[in-house]
Amino acid sequence: MANNKLWKVLGTSFGVAVTLGGTVGTGILRKPGPIAELLHNPSLIISLWLLVAIYALLGVSCVLELSLSIPKAGAWYGYAERAFGRYIGFIVGLSSWLGTVTALGFGSYTCSEYLAILFPRLQGFELYCAISLLLILWFFHQLGVIVAGKSQEWFSGIKALALIGFIGICFAQGEGGAWQDSPAAPTGLPLWSGILTALLSIFYAFDGWHTAAYFTEENKEPQKSMPKSMFIGVIVVAVIYILINIGILHTLSWSELSQSKLAAADAMQKILGEQTGRWVTTFLMLSILGILNTQVMFAPRVIFSMSRDGLFFASAGKVNAQGSPTVATHMTVGLACLFLISSQSISDRLSDIATFFFVASYLAGFASLLRLRKTEPDLNRPYRVWAYPYLPILLVLISSLFLLGTLIQNVASIPFVIAFMVISYIIYRFGLTKRI
């Protein structure tokens, strides 16, 4: 507390846990149905999941070079600020933080909806439940980074065990499902359109593969543990995702799968009966709660780091006696609660904008690596990216395509993205960030 610094107390197990906890959510449980409806080809579906997993693994190599050469809380913000200057850093940091805050609001409300299913007396009080969940997490994270880190390991461990159990049941009790019942796959433009849409869905399901990088500054031995934790974490996530898809395809027929909004739940109900619904709902709620716990932990690190650089409220740079950026956590949870009580149209628009900036952060990160190699060739780099410069250039191109796809899917959000850029520039240009 005296030095107002984050504690270096996290290690490999936390890195793996936060990668799993920050990535695996309801996406993998919801996306298989819509993707199956688009593609009608089990092998193609698995290939696309594998392709995005490879993208994440290659991305880890880039992020490791950045995080170990710039061991600073905030991940994408720190890299962009170092490579492109304060304004670009401000944009990346602010959009990254606001995007996560928006996700916190939506996630907590979704979690409260599942809670109301389990306890019908709570129906009609979902908003209050969502705010209460955020406040409980806020209180919990005031207890310090050590307690928060251990809680993340427990959340992720329970989630992993539940998913392994799901996979085992599908493999043991499934009867071939969609693998034996493949309708004619689309061809031509419908096929390529389906592939693009499916890739974007899978890309969002993998979002979070870089989460451990937010905590490099708090890692006890980052040069030793970060490579292990990030690669192991992404490989575990990828294996779980691919096996879940194979298990669902092995259990549900194409007609069942293509109409399913929650394929994992439908697979369990088909095997074990309707009585499994309550257990599936409980798992969904706990899965979302694990992601919320991760977001409440890493989002404050972004504005904490910005504050130290004079790009956010000075008070956000305070660390409490237990090693947590306490004021930044107040601001993060408080704004998420405000988003919850705002109108639905505002929240939906914020969510669309957040999706754009999440993808843009990846692009900024990979571009930062290329720029820093030129502007700071003598920077200490304990880890160097594979196949430089070809790999980061490839990831810049792929991320650009994902960004373009996001804009195509959310054309109505383009004016709001432009408005955000203009307003943020005015704030930065007239020095408000330097005075607050």
Protein backbone atom coordinates (compact mmCIF):
# COMPACT_ATOMS: atom_id res chain seq x y z
CA MET A 1 0.00 0.00 0.00
CA ALA A 2 2.83 2.38 0.81
CA ASN A 3 4.24 2.10 -2.70
CA ASN A 4 0.78 1.94 -4.29
CA LYS A 5 1.89 -0.95 -6.51
CA LEU A 6 0.21 -4.14 -7.63
CA TRP A 7 1.45 -7.28 -5.88
CA LYS A 8 3.58 -9.83 -7.69
CA VAL A 9 1.82 -12.93 -6.34
CA LEU A 10 0.25 -14.70 -9.33
CA GLY A 11 1.65 -17.75 -11.09
CA THR A 12 1.13 -20.45 -13.71
CA SER A 13 -2.01 -22.03 -12.24
CA PHE A 14 -3.72 -18.64 -12.11
CA GLY A 15 -2.72 -17.92 -15.73
CA VAL A 16 -4.29 -21.17 -16.92
CA ALA A 17 -7.39 -20.59 -14.78
CA VAL A 18 -7.95 -17.03 -15.94
CA THR A 19 -7.55 -18.09 -19.58
CA LEU A 20 -10.15 -20.82 -19.12
CA GLY A 21 -12.39 -18.60 -17.00
CA GLY A 22 -12.15 -15.61 -19.33
CA THR A 23 -12.82 -17.60 -22.50
CA VAL A 24 -15.22 -20.50 -21.90
CA GLY A 25 -18.76 -19.23 -21.46
CA THR A 26 -22.18 -19.73 -22.99
CA GLY A 27 -20.80 -19.22 -26.54
CA ILE A 28 -19.63 -22.81 -26.87
CA LEU A 29 -22.98 -24.01 -25.51
CA ARG A 30 -25.10 -21.81 -27.81
CA LYS A 31 -23.17 -21.56 -31.08
CA PRO A 32 -23.14 -25.19 -32.34
CA GLY A 33 -26.82 -25.04 -33.35
CA PRO A 34 -26.71 -21.89 -35.52
CA ILE A 35 -23.38 -22.96 -37.03
CA ALA A 36 -24.79 -26.39 -37.94
CA GLU A 37 -27.77 -24.72 -39.61
CA LEU A 38 -25.37 -22.70 -41.77
CA LEU A 39 -22.90 -25.40 -42.82
CA HIS A 40 -24.47 -28.91 -42.65
CA ASN A 41 -21.03 -30.51 -42.61
CA PRO A 42 -19.50 -31.98 -39.41
CA SER A 43 -15.95 -32.06 -40.76
CA LEU A 44 -16.14 -28.45 -41.94
CA ILE A 45 -17.52 -27.34 -38.57
CA ILE A 46 -14.70 -29.02 -36.64
CA SER A 47 -12.15 -27.62 -39.10
CA LEU A 48 -13.34 -24.05 -38.48
CA TRP A 49 -13.10 -24.47 -34.70
CA LEU A 50 -9.60 -25.85 -35.17
CA LEU A 51 -8.67 -22.95 -37.46
CA VAL A 52 -9.66 -20.31 -34.89
CA ALA A 53 -7.85 -22.29 -32.18
CA ILE A 54 -4.68 -22.06 -34.29
CA TYR A 55 -5.28 -18.31 -34.65
CA ALA A 56 -5.46 -18.01 -30.85
CA LEU A 57 -2.27 -20.06 -30.39
CA LEU A 58 -0.41 -17.91 -32.89
CA GLY A 59 -1.81 -14.83 -31.17
CA VAL A 60 -0.38 -16.07 -27.88
CA SER A 61 3.09 -16.01 -29.40
CA CYS A 62 2.62 -12.33 -30.34
CA VAL A 63 1.13 -11.36 -26.98
CA LEU A 64 3.93 -13.08 -25.09
CA GLU A 65 6.56 -10.94 -26.82
CA LEU A 66 4.56 -7.80 -26.01
CA SER A 67 3.64 -8.71 -22.44
CA LEU A 68 7.14 -9.80 -21.41
CA SER A 69 8.87 -6.83 -23.02
CA ILE A 70 6.23 -4.42 -21.66
CA PRO A 71 5.20 -6.08 -18.35
CA LYS A 72 2.44 -3.60 -17.66
CA ALA A 73 -1.13 -4.06 -16.42
CA GLY A 74 -3.79 -3.42 -19.04
CA ALA A 75 -2.59 -5.64 -21.92
CA TRP A 76 -3.66 -4.08 -25.26
CA TYR A 77 -3.66 -0.57 -23.81
CA GLY A 78 -0.04 -0.75 -22.69
CA TYR A 79 1.18 -2.12 -26.02
CA ALA A 80 -0.70 0.45 -28.15
CA GLU A 81 0.38 3.36 -25.94
CA ARG A 82 4.04 2.33 -26.17
CA ALA A 83 3.95 1.73 -29.93
CA PHE A 84 1.65 4.46 -31.24
CA GLY A 85 1.55 7.12 -28.55
CA ARG A 86 -0.83 8.44 -25.95
CA TYR A 87 -3.89 9.13 -28.10
CA ILE A 88 -4.02 5.66 -29.69
CA GLY A 89 -3.33 4.17 -26.27
CA PHE A 90 -6.17 6.24 -24.83
CA ILE A 91 -8.58 5.02 -27.53
CA VAL A 92 -7.57 1.36 -27.15
CA GLY A 93 -7.66 1.49 -23.35
CA LEU A 94 -10.95 3.35 -23.05
CA SER A 95 -12.73 1.18 -25.63
CA SER A 96 -11.33 -2.00 -24.08
CA TRP A 97 -12.53 -0.97 -20.63
CA LEU A 98 -15.97 0.21 -21.79
CA GLY A 99 -16.42 -2.94 -23.85
CA THR A 100 -15.74 -5.11 -20.81
CA VAL A 101 -17.99 -2.99 -18.62
CA THR A 102 -20.80 -3.47 -21.14
CA ALA A 103 -20.16 -7.22 -21.18
CA LEU A 104 -20.33 -7.20 -17.38
CA GLY A 105 -23.79 -5.65 -17.51
CA PHE A 106 -25.12 -8.13 -20.08
CA GLY A 107 -23.46 -11.10 -18.41
CA SER A 108 -24.80 -10.31 -14.96
CA TYR A 109 -28.33 -9.90 -16.35
CA THR A 110 -28.09 -13.22 -18.22
CA CYS A 111 -26.85 -14.88 -15.04
CA SER A 112 -29.81 -13.44 -13.13
CA GLU A 113 -32.20 -14.86 -15.75
CA TYR A 114 -30.83 -18.34 -15.12
CA LEU A 115 -31.08 -17.69 -11.39
CA ALA A 116 -34.76 -16.84 -11.84
CA ILE A 117 -35.29 -20.13 -13.67
CA LEU A 118 -33.82 -22.02 -10.74
CA PHE A 119 -35.77 -19.94 -8.20
CA PRO A 120 -39.08 -18.84 -9.79
CA ARG A 121 -39.83 -16.39 -6.95
CA LEU A 122 -37.07 -14.18 -8.35
CA GLN A 123 -38.86 -13.77 -11.69
CA GLY A 124 -39.56 -10.10 -12.29
CA PHE A 125 -36.59 -9.10 -10.14
CA GLU A 126 -33.85 -9.97 -12.63
CA LEU A 127 -32.48 -6.42 -12.75
CA TYR A 128 -32.09 -6.30 -8.97
CA CYS A 129 -30.49 -9.75 -8.97
CA ALA A 130 -28.02 -8.66 -11.65
CA ILE A 131 -26.97 -5.59 -9.67
CA SER A 132 -26.73 -7.68 -6.52
CA LEU A 133 -24.44 -10.18 -8.27
CA LEU A 134 -22.13 -7.37 -9.36
CA LEU A 135 -22.08 -5.90 -5.86
CA ILE A 136 -21.22 -9.31 -4.37
CA LEU A 137 -18.33 -9.66 -6.82
CA TRP A 138 -17.27 -6.06 -6.08
CA PHE A 139 -17.16 -6.80 -2.35
CA PHE A 140 -15.30 -10.03 -2.92
CA HIS A 141 -12.59 -8.32 -4.97
CA GLN A 142 -12.00 -5.79 -2.22
CA LEU A 143 -10.52 -8.69 -0.23
CA GLY A 144 -7.42 -8.61 -2.41
CA VAL A 145 -5.63 -10.11 -5.36
CA ILE A 146 -4.67 -13.35 -3.58
CA VAL A 147 -8.25 -14.23 -2.66
CA ALA A 148 -9.50 -13.18 -6.12
CA GLY A 149 -6.83 -15.27 -7.81
CA LYS A 150 -7.67 -18.38 -5.81
CA SER A 151 -11.38 -17.91 -6.47
CA GLN A 152 -10.67 -17.82 -10.20
CA GLU A 153 -8.79 -21.09 -9.96
CA TRP A 154 -11.76 -22.70 -8.17
CA PHE A 155 -14.31 -21.33 -10.66
CA SER A 156 -12.26 -22.54 -13.62
CA GLY A 157 -11.59 -25.94 -12.07
CA ILE A 158 -15.30 -26.58 -11.45
CA LYS A 159 -16.12 -25.43 -14.98
CA ALA A 160 -13.47 -27.70 -16.53
CA LEU A 161 -14.68 -30.74 -14.58
CA ALA A 162 -18.29 -30.10 -15.60
CA LEU A 163 -17.33 -29.78 -19.27
CA ILE A 164 -15.23 -32.95 -19.15
CA GLY A 165 -18.21 -34.75 -17.63
CA PHE A 166 -20.45 -33.43 -20.41
CA ILE A 167 -18.01 -34.61 -23.07
CA GLY A 168 -17.74 -38.06 -21.47
CA ILE A 169 -21.53 -38.50 -21.34
CA CYS A 170 -21.94 -37.49 -25.00
CA PHE A 171 -19.22 -39.87 -26.18
CA ALA A 172 -20.51 -42.74 -24.06
CA GLN A 173 -24.25 -42.37 -24.68
CA GLY A 174 -24.48 -40.67 -28.10
CA GLU A 175 -25.53 -42.79 -31.04
CA GLY A 176 -23.86 -41.08 -33.97
CA GLY A 177 -26.24 -38.13 -34.32
CA ALA A 178 -25.34 -35.66 -37.06
CA TRP A 179 -22.30 -37.65 -38.14
CA GLN A 180 -24.71 -40.25 -39.59
CA ASP A 181 -27.37 -37.82 -40.76
CA SER A 182 -25.75 -35.15 -42.92
CA PRO A 183 -28.05 -33.20 -45.27
CA ALA A 184 -26.71 -31.65 -48.46
CA ALA A 185 -24.25 -28.89 -47.66
CA PRO A 186 -24.69 -25.44 -49.26
CA THR A 187 -22.50 -24.50 -52.19
CA GLY A 188 -21.30 -21.31 -53.81
CA LEU A 189 -22.09 -17.98 -52.14
CA PRO A 190 -24.31 -19.46 -49.38
CA LEU A 191 -21.41 -21.71 -48.35
CA TRP A 192 -18.87 -18.87 -48.18
CA SER A 193 -21.35 -16.62 -46.41
CA GLY A 194 -22.01 -19.40 -43.90
CA ILE A 195 -18.29 -19.93 -43.34
CA LEU A 196 -17.77 -16.20 -42.66
CA THR A 197 -20.68 -16.04 -40.22
CA ALA A 198 -19.55 -19.23 -38.48
CA LEU A 199 -15.97 -17.97 -38.19
CA LEU A 200 -17.14 -14.76 -36.54
CA SER A 201 -19.24 -16.75 -34.07
CA ILE A 202 -16.32 -19.05 -33.25
CA PHE A 203 -13.97 -16.07 -33.01
CA TYR A 204 -16.22 -14.51 -30.34
CA ALA A 205 -16.41 -17.84 -28.50
CA PHE A 206 -12.59 -17.78 -28.30
CA ASP A 207 -12.45 -14.18 -27.12
CA GLY A 208 -10.53 -14.17 -23.85
CA TRP A 209 -7.55 -16.30 -24.94
CA HIS A 210 -5.25 -13.37 -24.07
CA THR A 211 -6.69 -12.64 -20.60
CA ALA A 212 -3.57 -13.73 -18.68
CA ALA A 213 -1.65 -10.85 -20.29
CA TYR A 214 -3.65 -8.35 -18.22
CA PHE A 215 -1.85 -9.68 -15.14
CA THR A 216 1.78 -9.82 -16.33
CA GLU A 217 2.72 -7.04 -13.90
CA GLU A 218 1.40 -9.16 -11.01
CA ASN A 219 3.10 -12.40 -12.05
CA LYS A 220 5.82 -13.65 -9.70
CA GLU A 221 8.04 -14.99 -12.49
CA PRO A 222 6.47 -13.86 -15.77
CA GLN A 223 9.32 -15.02 -18.00
CA LYS A 224 8.93 -18.58 -16.72
CA SER A 225 5.22 -18.89 -16.04
CA MET A 226 3.55 -16.73 -18.71
CA PRO A 227 4.53 -18.87 -21.73
CA LYS A 228 3.44 -22.04 -19.91
CA SER A 229 0.18 -20.64 -18.60
CA MET A 230 -0.93 -18.96 -21.84
CA PHE A 231 -0.11 -21.85 -24.16
CA ILE A 232 -1.52 -24.47 -21.78
CA GLY A 233 -4.64 -22.36 -21.21
CA VAL A 234 -5.38 -21.90 -24.92
CA ILE A 235 -4.67 -25.55 -25.73
CA VAL A 236 -7.01 -26.68 -22.93
CA VAL A 237 -9.74 -24.33 -24.18
CA ALA A 238 -9.28 -25.49 -27.79
CA VAL A 239 -9.41 -29.19 -26.88
CA ILE A 240 -12.53 -28.67 -24.76
CA TYR A 241 -14.24 -26.69 -27.54
CA ILE A 242 -13.48 -29.26 -30.23
CA LEU A 243 -14.50 -32.22 -28.07
CA ILE A 244 -17.75 -30.49 -27.07
CA ASN A 245 -18.60 -29.98 -30.73
CA ILE A 246 -17.78 -33.58 -31.58
CA GLY A 247 -19.87 -34.74 -28.60
CA ILE A 248 -22.89 -32.64 -29.59
CA LEU A 249 -22.62 -33.77 -33.22
CA HIS A 250 -22.45 -37.36 -31.92
CA THR A 251 -25.62 -36.90 -29.86
CA LEU A 252 -28.07 -34.69 -31.79
CA SER A 253 -29.39 -35.26 -35.29
CA TRP A 254 -29.12 -32.46 -37.84
CA SER A 255 -32.80 -31.60 -37.51
CA GLU A 256 -32.43 -31.36 -33.72
CA LEU A 257 -29.13 -29.50 -33.79
CA SER A 258 -30.00 -26.94 -36.46
CA GLN A 259 -33.08 -25.87 -34.48
CA SER A 260 -31.32 -25.80 -31.12
CA LYS A 261 -30.66 -22.51 -29.32
CA LEU A 262 -28.78 -24.25 -26.51
CA ALA A 263 -27.29 -27.38 -28.05
CA ALA A 264 -25.45 -28.61 -24.96
CA ALA A 265 -28.63 -28.55 -22.87
CA ASP A 266 -30.59 -30.32 -25.62
CA ALA A 267 -27.90 -33.00 -25.85
CA MET A 268 -28.07 -33.65 -22.11
CA GLN A 269 -31.85 -33.75 -22.11
CA LYS A 270 -31.86 -36.22 -24.99
CA ILE A 271 -29.48 -38.56 -23.13
CA LEU A 272 -30.57 -38.12 -19.50
CA GLY A 273 -34.13 -36.82 -19.82
CA GLU A 274 -35.95 -33.59 -19.02
CA GLN A 275 -34.91 -33.71 -15.37
CA THR A 276 -31.39 -32.59 -16.35
CA GLY A 277 -32.65 -29.11 -17.21
CA ARG A 278 -32.08 -27.81 -13.69
CA TRP A 279 -28.49 -29.08 -13.64
CA VAL A 280 -27.72 -27.57 -17.04
CA THR A 281 -29.19 -24.25 -15.93
CA THR A 282 -27.04 -24.33 -12.78
CA PHE A 283 -23.94 -24.97 -14.84
CA LEU A 284 -24.78 -22.13 -17.23
CA MET A 285 -25.22 -19.75 -14.31
CA LEU A 286 -21.91 -20.80 -12.72
CA SER A 287 -20.15 -20.57 -16.07
CA ILE A 288 -21.27 -16.98 -16.58
CA LEU A 289 -20.44 -16.15 -12.97
CA GLY A 290 -16.89 -17.39 -13.58
CA ILE A 291 -16.52 -15.03 -16.55
CA LEU A 292 -17.95 -12.14 -14.54
CA ASN A 293 -15.41 -12.84 -11.81
CA THR A 294 -12.63 -12.67 -14.42
CA GLN A 295 -13.95 -9.44 -15.92
CA VAL A 296 -14.30 -7.72 -12.54
CA MET A 297 -10.67 -8.67 -11.95
CA PHE A 298 -9.05 -7.64 -15.26
CA ALA A 299 -11.09 -4.63 -16.43
CA PRO A 300 -9.95 -2.36 -13.55
CA ARG A 301 -6.32 -3.10 -14.48
CA VAL A 302 -6.86 -1.22 -17.76
CA ILE A 303 -7.93 2.09 -16.22
CA PHE A 304 -5.48 1.58 -13.35
CA SER A 305 -2.66 1.53 -15.90
CA MET A 306 -4.15 4.46 -17.83
CA SER A 307 -4.36 6.45 -14.61
CA ARG A 308 -0.65 5.99 -13.90
CA ASP A 309 0.05 7.43 -17.35
CA GLY A 310 -2.20 10.46 -16.80
CA LEU A 311 -4.91 9.21 -19.16
CA PHE A 312 -7.68 8.59 -16.63
CA PHE A 313 -8.86 9.77 -13.23
CA ALA A 314 -5.87 9.91 -10.88
CA SER A 315 -7.81 8.13 -8.14
CA ALA A 316 -8.13 5.02 -10.36
CA GLY A 317 -4.43 4.43 -9.77
CA LYS A 318 -4.89 3.62 -6.09
CA VAL A 319 -4.12 0.13 -4.76
CA ASN A 320 -5.64 -1.02 -1.47
CA ALA A 321 -3.86 -2.81 1.39
CA GLN A 322 -4.72 -6.20 -0.15
CA GLY A 323 -3.12 -5.45 -3.54
CA SER A 324 -6.24 -4.67 -5.59
CA PRO A 325 -6.84 -1.51 -7.69
CA THR A 326 -9.76 -0.66 -5.48
CA VAL A 327 -11.03 2.65 -6.92
CA ALA A 328 -10.75 1.28 -10.47
CA THR A 329 -12.90 -1.64 -9.33
CA HIS A 330 -15.47 0.77 -7.86
CA MET A 331 -15.65 2.59 -11.20
CA THR A 332 -15.89 -0.61 -13.25
CA VAL A 333 -18.70 -2.19 -11.26
CA GLY A 334 -20.48 1.14 -10.77
CA LEU A 335 -20.60 1.88 -14.51
CA ALA A 336 -21.76 -1.69 -15.25
CA CYS A 337 -24.67 -1.11 -12.85
CA LEU A 338 -25.51 2.15 -14.64
CA PHE A 339 -25.55 0.33 -17.98
CA LEU A 340 -27.93 -2.21 -16.47
CA ILE A 341 -30.46 0.41 -15.42
CA SER A 342 -30.18 2.37 -18.70
CA SER A 343 -32.62 1.76 -21.52
CA GLN A 344 -32.38 -1.51 -23.44
CA SER A 345 -31.70 0.28 -26.74
CA ILE A 346 -28.69 2.09 -25.27
CA SER A 347 -27.33 -1.15 -23.84
CA ASP A 348 -27.78 -2.99 -27.15
CA ARG A 349 -25.97 -0.26 -29.06
CA LEU A 350 -23.13 -0.21 -26.55
CA SER A 351 -22.81 -3.98 -26.96
CA ASP A 352 -22.54 -3.67 -30.74
CA ILE A 353 -19.86 -0.98 -30.43
CA ALA A 354 -18.00 -3.07 -27.86
CA THR A 355 -17.82 -5.98 -30.30
CA PHE A 356 -16.12 -3.75 -32.87
CA PHE A 357 -13.55 -2.45 -30.42
CA PHE A 358 -12.75 -5.88 -29.01
CA VAL A 359 -11.68 -6.98 -32.48
CA ALA A 360 -9.89 -3.66 -33.08
CA SER A 361 -7.84 -4.24 -29.91
CA TYR A 362 -6.42 -7.45 -31.38
CA LEU A 363 -5.47 -5.60 -34.54
CA ALA A 364 -3.82 -2.80 -32.55
CA GLY A 365 -1.86 -5.33 -30.49
CA PHE A 366 -0.42 -7.22 -33.45
CA ALA A 367 0.37 -3.94 -35.22
CA SER A 368 2.10 -2.71 -32.04
CA LEU A 369 4.50 -5.64 -32.17
CA LEU A 370 5.53 -4.79 -35.73
CA ARG A 371 5.99 -1.11 -34.95
CA LEU A 372 7.98 -1.68 -31.76
CA ARG A 373 10.41 -3.96 -33.58
CA LYS A 374 11.24 -0.97 -35.79
CA THR A 375 11.05 1.90 -33.29
CA GLU A 376 12.67 0.07 -30.36
CA PRO A 377 14.94 -2.63 -31.79
CA ASP A 378 16.99 -2.74 -28.58
CA LEU A 379 14.00 -3.28 -26.27
CA ASN A 380 14.60 -6.24 -23.97
CA ARG A 381 12.53 -9.10 -25.39
CA PRO A 382 12.74 -12.21 -23.17
CA TYR A 383 10.41 -13.96 -25.63
CA ARG A 384 10.34 -13.41 -29.39
CA VAL A 385 7.40 -14.18 -31.64
CA TRP A 386 7.60 -17.13 -33.99
CA ALA A 387 8.41 -16.50 -37.66
CA TYR A 388 8.83 -12.74 -37.42
CA PRO A 389 7.71 -10.72 -39.39
CA TYR A 390 5.47 -13.15 -41.27
CA LEU A 391 3.34 -14.30 -38.34
CA PRO A 392 2.39 -10.85 -36.95
CA ILE A 393 1.71 -9.60 -40.50
CA LEU A 394 -0.55 -12.62 -41.10
CA LEU A 395 -2.42 -11.95 -37.84
CA VAL A 396 -2.82 -8.27 -38.73
CA LEU A 397 -4.42 -9.32 -42.03
CA ILE A 398 -6.68 -11.92 -40.39
CA SER A 399 -7.73 -9.50 -37.65
CA SER A 400 -8.49 -6.88 -40.30
CA LEU A 401 -10.79 -9.35 -42.04
CA PHE A 402 -12.53 -10.16 -38.75
CA LEU A 403 -12.93 -6.42 -38.14
CA LEU A 404 -14.43 -5.95 -41.60
CA GLY A 405 -16.78 -8.86 -40.98
CA THR A 406 -17.88 -7.28 -37.70
CA LEU A 407 -18.70 -4.03 -39.49
CA ILE A 408 -20.62 -5.86 -42.21
CA GLN A 409 -22.71 -7.66 -39.59
CA ASN A 410 -23.34 -4.44 -37.62
CA VAL A 411 -23.63 -1.73 -40.28
CA ALA A 412 -26.04 0.25 -38.11
CA SER A 413 -23.32 0.65 -35.49
CA ILE A 414 -20.85 2.40 -37.79
CA PRO A 415 -22.17 5.94 -37.07
CA PHE A 416 -21.94 5.24 -33.32
CA VAL A 417 -18.36 3.98 -33.67
CA ILE A 418 -17.47 7.17 -35.54
CA ALA A 419 -19.22 9.27 -32.89
CA PHE A 420 -17.26 7.50 -30.16
CA MET A 421 -14.00 8.22 -31.97
CA VAL A 422 -14.87 11.90 -32.41
CA ILE A 423 -15.98 12.40 -28.80
CA SER A 424 -12.94 10.58 -27.42
CA TYR A 425 -10.65 12.72 -29.56
CA ILE A 426 -12.27 15.91 -28.28
CA ILE A 427 -11.82 14.71 -24.70
CA TYR A 428 -8.20 13.86 -25.35
CA ARG A 429 -7.40 16.94 -27.45
CA PHE A 430 -8.63 19.44 -24.89
CA GLY A 431 -6.70 17.82 -22.11
CA LEU A 432 -9.56 16.59 -19.92
CA THR A 433 -7.73 13.30 -19.33
CA LYS A 434 -4.73 15.20 -18.00
CA ARG A 435 -6.72 17.20 -15.47
CA ILE A 436 -8.91 14.42 -14.07
